[in-house]
N, C-alpha and C. Protein backbone atom coordinates (compact mmCIF):
# COMPACT_ATOMS: atom_id res chain seq x y z
N MET A 1 10.39 8.93 12.50
CA MET A 1 10.46 7.97 11.24
C MET A 1 10.59 6.72 11.82
N SER A 2 10.16 5.22 11.14
CA SER A 2 9.97 4.01 11.84
C SER A 2 11.55 3.60 11.73
N PRO A 3 11.88 3.30 12.88
CA PRO A 3 13.40 2.63 13.25
C PRO A 3 13.62 1.25 12.08
N GLY A 4 14.63 1.43 11.34
CA GLY A 4 15.19 0.50 10.43
C GLY A 4 14.67 0.65 8.91
N ILE A 5 13.45 1.52 8.77
CA ILE A 5 13.23 1.69 7.55
C ILE A 5 13.71 2.59 6.74
N ASP A 6 14.52 2.50 5.68
CA ASP A 6 15.09 3.28 4.66
C ASP A 6 14.04 3.78 3.57
N TRP A 7 13.39 4.84 3.77
CA TRP A 7 12.13 5.15 3.21
C TRP A 7 12.57 5.60 1.60
N GLY A 8 13.89 5.91 1.39
CA GLY A 8 14.37 6.50 0.13
C GLY A 8 13.80 5.39 -0.88
N PRO A 9 14.48 4.07 -0.96
CA PRO A 9 14.42 3.32 -2.00
C PRO A 9 12.80 3.12 -2.12
N LEU A 10 11.94 2.80 -1.47
CA LEU A 10 10.38 2.80 -1.27
C LEU A 10 9.77 3.87 -1.82
N VAL A 11 10.27 5.19 -1.56
CA VAL A 11 9.61 6.35 -2.13
C VAL A 11 10.01 6.54 -3.75
N GLU A 12 10.93 6.34 -3.67
CA GLU A 12 11.55 6.24 -5.30
C GLU A 12 10.73 4.99 -6.14
N ALA A 13 10.76 4.06 -5.75
CA ALA A 13 10.07 2.97 -6.48
C ALA A 13 8.47 3.41 -6.86
N ALA A 14 7.70 4.00 -5.63
CA ALA A 14 6.67 4.15 -5.67
C ALA A 14 6.35 5.26 -6.36
N GLU A 15 7.27 6.60 -6.37
CA GLU A 15 7.12 7.58 -7.53
C GLU A 15 7.28 6.94 -9.01
N ALA A 16 8.11 6.42 -9.10
CA ALA A 16 8.35 5.56 -10.46
C ALA A 16 7.13 4.93 -11.01
N ALA A 17 6.68 4.14 -10.19
CA ALA A 17 5.55 3.35 -10.78
C ALA A 17 4.21 4.41 -10.91
N ARG A 18 4.07 5.54 -10.00
CA ARG A 18 3.14 6.42 -10.28
C ARG A 18 3.13 6.86 -11.62
N LYS A 19 4.22 7.19 -12.19
CA LYS A 19 4.43 7.58 -13.32
C LYS A 19 3.99 6.74 -14.39
N ASN A 20 3.70 5.50 -14.24
CA ASN A 20 3.23 4.41 -15.14
C ASN A 20 1.61 4.19 -14.81
N ALA A 21 1.09 4.92 -14.14
CA ALA A 21 -0.23 4.61 -13.55
C ALA A 21 -1.32 4.56 -14.68
N TYR A 22 -2.36 4.19 -14.88
CA TYR A 22 -3.32 4.30 -16.04
C TYR A 22 -4.76 4.54 -15.13
N ALA A 23 -4.76 5.91 -15.00
CA ALA A 23 -6.08 6.61 -14.49
C ALA A 23 -6.87 7.43 -15.52
N PRO A 24 -7.20 7.05 -16.58
CA PRO A 24 -8.00 8.01 -17.44
C PRO A 24 -9.32 8.48 -16.60
N TYR A 25 -10.05 7.55 -15.77
CA TYR A 25 -11.23 7.88 -15.33
C TYR A 25 -11.25 9.03 -14.22
N SER A 26 -10.35 8.67 -13.28
CA SER A 26 -10.42 9.52 -12.16
C SER A 26 -9.09 10.31 -11.96
N GLY A 27 -8.25 10.54 -13.02
CA GLY A 27 -7.00 11.54 -13.06
C GLY A 27 -6.29 11.06 -11.68
N LEU A 28 -6.65 10.00 -10.80
CA LEU A 28 -5.74 10.09 -9.64
C LEU A 28 -4.64 8.91 -9.86
N GLU A 29 -3.51 9.38 -10.08
CA GLU A 29 -2.45 8.56 -10.20
C GLU A 29 -1.64 8.02 -9.20
N VAL A 30 -1.48 6.77 -8.68
CA VAL A 30 -0.96 6.21 -7.59
C VAL A 30 -0.18 5.59 -7.77
N GLY A 31 0.96 5.48 -7.01
CA GLY A 31 2.17 4.33 -7.18
C GLY A 31 2.66 4.18 -5.46
N ALA A 32 2.71 2.58 -5.73
CA ALA A 32 3.10 2.10 -4.12
C ALA A 32 4.20 0.97 -4.22
N ALA A 33 4.89 1.00 -3.02
CA ALA A 33 5.97 -0.06 -3.06
C ALA A 33 6.10 -0.70 -1.53
N VAL A 34 6.33 -1.86 -1.67
CA VAL A 34 6.33 -2.54 -0.36
C VAL A 34 7.48 -2.94 -0.06
N LEU A 35 8.15 -3.29 1.27
CA LEU A 35 9.51 -3.61 1.66
C LEU A 35 9.34 -5.17 1.98
N ALA A 36 9.81 -6.05 1.64
CA ALA A 36 9.44 -7.52 2.11
C ALA A 36 10.71 -8.23 2.12
N ASP A 37 11.34 -8.73 2.88
CA ASP A 37 12.70 -9.67 2.80
C ASP A 37 13.55 -8.75 2.27
N GLY A 38 13.92 -7.55 2.44
CA GLY A 38 14.96 -6.52 2.13
C GLY A 38 14.49 -6.30 0.94
N ARG A 39 13.31 -6.72 0.29
CA ARG A 39 13.61 -6.27 -1.45
C ARG A 39 12.40 -5.13 -1.36
N VAL A 40 12.26 -4.39 -2.52
CA VAL A 40 11.28 -3.61 -2.89
C VAL A 40 10.58 -4.10 -3.97
N PHE A 41 8.89 -3.77 -4.00
CA PHE A 41 8.33 -4.18 -4.93
C PHE A 41 7.20 -3.25 -5.31
N ALA A 42 6.88 -2.81 -6.67
CA ALA A 42 6.16 -1.65 -6.68
C ALA A 42 4.77 -2.05 -7.66
N GLY A 43 3.90 -1.16 -7.82
CA GLY A 43 2.79 -1.23 -8.36
C GLY A 43 2.00 -0.04 -8.48
N CYS A 44 1.15 0.17 -9.52
CA CYS A 44 0.45 1.54 -9.70
C CYS A 44 -1.02 1.04 -10.20
N ASN A 45 -1.86 2.32 -9.99
CA ASN A 45 -3.16 1.72 -10.09
C ASN A 45 -3.52 1.69 -11.42
N VAL A 46 -4.40 0.90 -11.67
CA VAL A 46 -4.65 0.43 -13.10
C VAL A 46 -6.46 0.64 -12.98
N GLU A 47 -6.86 1.44 -13.95
CA GLU A 47 -8.28 1.92 -13.97
C GLU A 47 -8.98 1.01 -15.11
N ASN A 48 -10.19 0.74 -15.09
CA ASN A 48 -10.96 0.19 -16.07
C ASN A 48 -12.41 0.70 -16.23
N ALA A 49 -12.93 0.86 -17.41
CA ALA A 49 -14.22 1.38 -17.83
C ALA A 49 -15.26 0.62 -16.93
N SER A 50 -14.83 -0.58 -16.46
CA SER A 50 -15.71 -1.33 -15.64
C SER A 50 -15.20 -1.21 -14.36
N TYR A 51 -15.66 0.08 -13.40
CA TYR A 51 -14.86 0.26 -12.45
C TYR A 51 -14.38 -1.11 -11.39
N PRO A 52 -15.11 -1.79 -11.27
CA PRO A 52 -14.68 -2.93 -10.21
C PRO A 52 -13.64 -3.80 -10.74
N VAL A 53 -13.22 -3.88 -12.17
CA VAL A 53 -12.27 -4.31 -12.45
C VAL A 53 -10.67 -3.75 -12.37
N GLY A 54 -10.91 -2.38 -12.14
CA GLY A 54 -9.57 -1.70 -11.90
C GLY A 54 -8.71 -2.34 -10.67
N SER A 55 -7.63 -1.91 -10.40
CA SER A 55 -7.00 -2.47 -9.18
C SER A 55 -6.12 -1.00 -8.54
N CYS A 56 -5.88 -1.04 -7.57
CA CYS A 56 -5.16 -0.28 -6.53
C CYS A 56 -3.70 -0.26 -6.77
N ALA A 57 -2.94 0.68 -6.45
CA ALA A 57 -1.44 0.46 -6.54
C ALA A 57 -1.06 -0.53 -5.36
N GLU A 58 -1.48 -0.19 -4.14
CA GLU A 58 -1.02 -1.21 -3.13
C GLU A 58 -1.07 -2.37 -3.13
N ARG A 59 -2.20 -2.98 -3.91
CA ARG A 59 -2.45 -4.28 -3.98
C ARG A 59 -1.83 -4.70 -5.15
N GLY A 60 -1.39 -3.93 -6.05
CA GLY A 60 -0.33 -4.35 -7.09
C GLY A 60 1.08 -4.76 -6.42
N ALA A 61 1.48 -4.05 -5.83
CA ALA A 61 2.80 -4.08 -5.23
C ALA A 61 2.64 -5.27 -4.40
N LEU A 62 1.45 -5.58 -3.55
CA LEU A 62 1.48 -6.50 -2.69
C LEU A 62 1.58 -7.97 -3.71
N ALA A 63 0.79 -7.88 -4.47
CA ALA A 63 0.70 -9.15 -5.43
C ALA A 63 2.20 -9.47 -6.13
N ALA A 64 2.98 -8.39 -6.22
CA ALA A 64 4.25 -8.48 -6.77
C ALA A 64 5.13 -9.33 -5.64
N ALA A 65 4.93 -8.70 -4.53
CA ALA A 65 5.84 -9.29 -3.19
C ALA A 65 5.39 -10.74 -2.83
N VAL A 66 4.05 -11.02 -3.06
CA VAL A 66 3.62 -12.51 -2.76
C VAL A 66 4.14 -13.23 -4.07
N ALA A 67 3.90 -12.86 -5.39
CA ALA A 67 4.42 -13.69 -6.45
C ALA A 67 6.05 -13.98 -6.54
N ALA A 68 6.62 -13.01 -5.53
CA ALA A 68 8.15 -13.44 -5.30
C ALA A 68 8.49 -14.30 -4.25
N GLY A 69 7.39 -14.82 -3.44
CA GLY A 69 7.40 -15.57 -2.34
C GLY A 69 7.47 -14.98 -1.02
N CYS A 70 7.26 -13.72 -0.78
CA CYS A 70 7.24 -12.95 0.26
C CYS A 70 5.74 -13.38 1.13
N ARG A 71 5.93 -13.18 2.55
CA ARG A 71 4.93 -13.33 3.15
C ARG A 71 4.53 -12.42 4.43
N LYS A 72 5.78 -11.78 4.62
CA LYS A 72 5.28 -10.40 5.71
C LYS A 72 6.08 -9.33 4.72
N ILE A 73 5.31 -8.06 5.04
CA ILE A 73 5.43 -6.97 4.41
C ILE A 73 5.94 -6.10 5.53
N ASP A 74 7.01 -5.30 5.56
CA ASP A 74 7.66 -4.81 6.51
C ASP A 74 6.90 -3.12 6.39
N ALA A 75 6.73 -2.68 5.22
CA ALA A 75 6.41 -1.38 5.20
C ALA A 75 5.98 -1.23 3.61
N VAL A 76 5.01 0.16 3.61
CA VAL A 76 4.42 0.33 2.14
C VAL A 76 4.64 1.85 2.17
N ALA A 77 4.96 2.38 1.03
CA ALA A 77 5.26 3.66 0.68
C ALA A 77 4.11 3.99 -0.57
N ILE A 78 3.16 4.98 -0.44
CA ILE A 78 2.43 5.45 -1.37
C ILE A 78 2.37 6.65 -1.87
N SER A 79 2.22 6.80 -3.14
CA SER A 79 2.72 8.08 -3.91
C SER A 79 1.66 8.48 -4.84
N SER A 80 1.16 10.01 -4.35
CA SER A 80 0.12 10.26 -5.17
C SER A 80 0.45 11.84 -5.13
N ALA A 81 -0.51 12.86 -5.65
CA ALA A 81 -0.31 14.18 -5.82
C ALA A 81 -0.40 14.79 -4.43
N GLU A 82 -1.27 14.25 -3.88
CA GLU A 82 -1.42 14.31 -2.45
C GLU A 82 -1.42 13.50 -1.44
N PRO A 83 -0.74 13.41 -0.34
CA PRO A 83 -0.42 12.13 0.66
C PRO A 83 -2.05 11.65 0.84
N ILE A 84 -2.25 10.25 0.51
CA ILE A 84 -3.61 9.84 0.62
C ILE A 84 -3.41 8.33 1.29
N PRO A 85 -4.32 8.16 2.01
CA PRO A 85 -3.99 6.74 2.59
C PRO A 85 -4.59 5.53 1.62
N PRO A 86 -4.41 4.46 1.97
CA PRO A 86 -4.96 3.21 1.25
C PRO A 86 -6.48 3.26 1.32
N CYS A 87 -7.07 2.73 0.50
CA CYS A 87 -8.46 2.62 0.41
C CYS A 87 -8.70 1.42 1.49
N GLY A 88 -10.05 1.19 1.93
CA GLY A 88 -10.40 0.24 2.88
C GLY A 88 -9.96 -1.39 2.62
N MET A 89 -10.16 -1.30 1.35
CA MET A 89 -9.87 -2.78 0.50
C MET A 89 -8.45 -2.96 0.74
N CYS A 90 -7.56 -1.80 0.35
CA CYS A 90 -6.15 -2.28 0.40
C CYS A 90 -5.72 -2.24 1.98
N ARG A 91 -6.35 -1.59 2.81
CA ARG A 91 -5.92 -1.61 4.22
C ARG A 91 -6.21 -3.39 4.77
N GLN A 92 -7.00 -3.90 4.20
CA GLN A 92 -7.77 -5.24 4.65
C GLN A 92 -6.34 -6.13 3.66
N ALA A 93 -6.21 -6.23 2.83
CA ALA A 93 -5.22 -6.75 1.88
C ALA A 93 -3.92 -6.67 2.48
N LEU A 94 -3.37 -5.36 3.10
CA LEU A 94 -2.08 -5.46 3.71
C LEU A 94 -2.17 -5.73 5.15
N ALA A 95 -3.13 -5.92 5.69
CA ALA A 95 -3.24 -6.28 7.12
C ALA A 95 -3.15 -7.89 7.09
N GLU A 96 -3.20 -8.50 6.21
CA GLU A 96 -2.99 -9.90 5.95
C GLU A 96 -1.58 -10.38 6.23
N PHE A 97 -1.00 -9.33 5.67
CA PHE A 97 0.49 -9.60 5.75
C PHE A 97 1.47 -9.05 6.64
N ASN A 98 0.84 -8.00 7.80
CA ASN A 98 1.35 -7.60 8.69
C ASN A 98 0.56 -6.21 9.22
N PRO A 99 -0.35 -6.64 10.23
CA PRO A 99 -1.30 -5.58 10.72
C PRO A 99 -0.69 -4.30 11.26
N SER A 100 0.82 -4.40 11.52
CA SER A 100 1.39 -3.26 12.09
C SER A 100 2.56 -2.64 11.38
N MET A 101 2.46 -2.67 10.14
CA MET A 101 3.46 -2.40 9.19
C MET A 101 3.51 -0.97 9.01
N ALA A 102 4.88 -0.27 8.84
CA ALA A 102 4.98 1.33 8.61
C ALA A 102 4.46 1.58 7.14
N VAL A 103 3.61 2.85 7.40
CA VAL A 103 3.04 3.22 6.24
C VAL A 103 3.71 4.51 5.76
N LEU A 104 4.27 5.16 4.74
CA LEU A 104 4.65 6.25 4.32
C LEU A 104 3.45 6.82 3.39
N LEU A 105 2.95 7.95 3.50
CA LEU A 105 1.93 8.41 2.38
C LEU A 105 2.99 9.72 1.97
N ALA A 106 3.48 9.76 0.66
CA ALA A 106 3.91 10.87 0.08
C ALA A 106 3.45 11.40 -1.20
N GLY A 107 3.31 12.76 -1.01
CA GLY A 107 2.77 13.34 -2.17
C GLY A 107 3.71 14.68 -2.45
N ASP A 108 3.11 15.30 -3.41
CA ASP A 108 4.21 16.40 -3.92
C ASP A 108 4.40 17.56 -2.80
N SER A 109 3.23 17.45 -1.92
CA SER A 109 3.22 18.79 -1.21
C SER A 109 4.02 18.04 0.41
N GLY A 110 4.32 16.84 0.45
CA GLY A 110 4.98 16.37 1.81
C GLY A 110 4.78 14.86 2.02
N ARG A 111 5.05 14.50 3.15
CA ARG A 111 5.03 13.12 3.70
C ARG A 111 4.21 13.25 5.02
N THR A 112 3.62 12.01 5.09
CA THR A 112 3.10 11.81 6.48
C THR A 112 3.47 10.32 6.70
N GLU A 113 4.02 9.80 7.90
CA GLU A 113 4.10 8.47 8.60
C GLU A 113 3.33 8.15 9.19
N THR A 114 2.73 6.93 9.06
CA THR A 114 1.91 6.26 10.10
C THR A 114 1.98 4.66 10.30
N SER A 115 1.39 4.00 10.78
CA SER A 115 1.35 2.74 10.61
C SER A 115 0.07 2.17 10.28
N LEU A 116 -0.30 0.86 9.86
CA LEU A 116 -1.32 0.22 9.34
C LEU A 116 -2.30 -0.10 10.50
N ASP A 117 -1.86 -0.28 11.52
CA ASP A 117 -2.68 -0.28 12.80
C ASP A 117 -3.34 0.89 13.12
N VAL A 118 -2.85 2.02 12.90
CA VAL A 118 -3.68 3.36 13.31
C VAL A 118 -4.49 3.71 12.05
N LEU A 119 -4.29 3.19 10.86
CA LEU A 119 -5.20 3.10 9.84
C LEU A 119 -6.46 2.25 10.15
N MET A 120 -6.02 1.08 10.40
CA MET A 120 -7.01 -0.06 10.30
C MET A 120 -7.04 -0.83 11.57
N PRO A 121 -7.40 -0.36 12.51
CA PRO A 121 -7.02 -0.72 13.92
C PRO A 121 -7.73 -2.26 14.17
N GLN A 122 -9.11 -2.77 13.45
CA GLN A 122 -9.62 -3.97 13.66
C GLN A 122 -9.65 -4.69 12.15
N PRO A 123 -8.90 -5.01 11.81
CA PRO A 123 -8.77 -5.90 10.31
C PRO A 123 -9.51 -7.14 10.41
N PHE A 124 -10.14 -7.51 9.37
CA PHE A 124 -11.07 -8.70 9.83
C PHE A 124 -10.07 -10.02 9.77
N ALA A 125 -10.32 -10.94 10.64
CA ALA A 125 -9.51 -12.32 10.58
C ALA A 125 -10.55 -13.05 11.14
N PRO A 126 -10.35 -14.35 10.72
CA PRO A 126 -11.37 -15.42 11.23
C PRO A 126 -11.10 -15.53 12.77
N GLY A 127 -12.13 -15.47 13.76
CA GLY A 127 -11.90 -15.48 15.09
C GLY A 127 -11.50 -14.38 15.71
N SER A 128 -11.44 -13.13 14.78
CA SER A 128 -11.19 -11.81 15.45
C SER A 128 -12.21 -11.12 16.13
N LEU A 129 -13.38 -11.59 16.14
CA LEU A 129 -14.39 -10.62 16.57
C LEU A 129 -14.69 -11.46 18.18
N PRO A 130 -15.18 -11.06 19.31
CA PRO A 130 -15.30 -11.64 20.45
C PRO A 130 -16.66 -12.57 20.32
N PRO A 131 -16.60 -13.57 21.04
CA PRO A 131 -17.94 -14.48 20.87
C PRO A 131 -19.04 -13.63 21.42
N LYS A 132 -20.39 -14.40 20.95
CA LYS A 132 -21.66 -13.59 21.23
C LYS A 132 -21.66 -13.70 22.77
N SER A 133 -22.27 -12.84 23.30
CA SER A 133 -22.66 -13.18 24.82
C SER A 133 -24.24 -13.75 24.99
């Protein structure tokens, strides 16, 4: 486990948010919680009949933290029926606030701990690519 991360409150918040997910199309209910400045912020996925309009749980939790003034995310816990990693869009969004944050994937069958830099080793950032030769 990641040193200094108390996953209990994060997993509880992610699981509580998951219960409020709106997923009538995919049936995939997801909750997420981020730890920032010692506080926990949660979000759930919200689907829409116009698929691109929907939002992921991870970005919902991230938006709540940013709205509260946080600019560095220490960890994220994601809760779904099976442990699943964040989608590519969420990986990129999270990387903006800490490319090496701790990640816990929690499901009804167990948990997996990893880090964002393992899931997204080269996030996009201005100047992140080597110059052309």
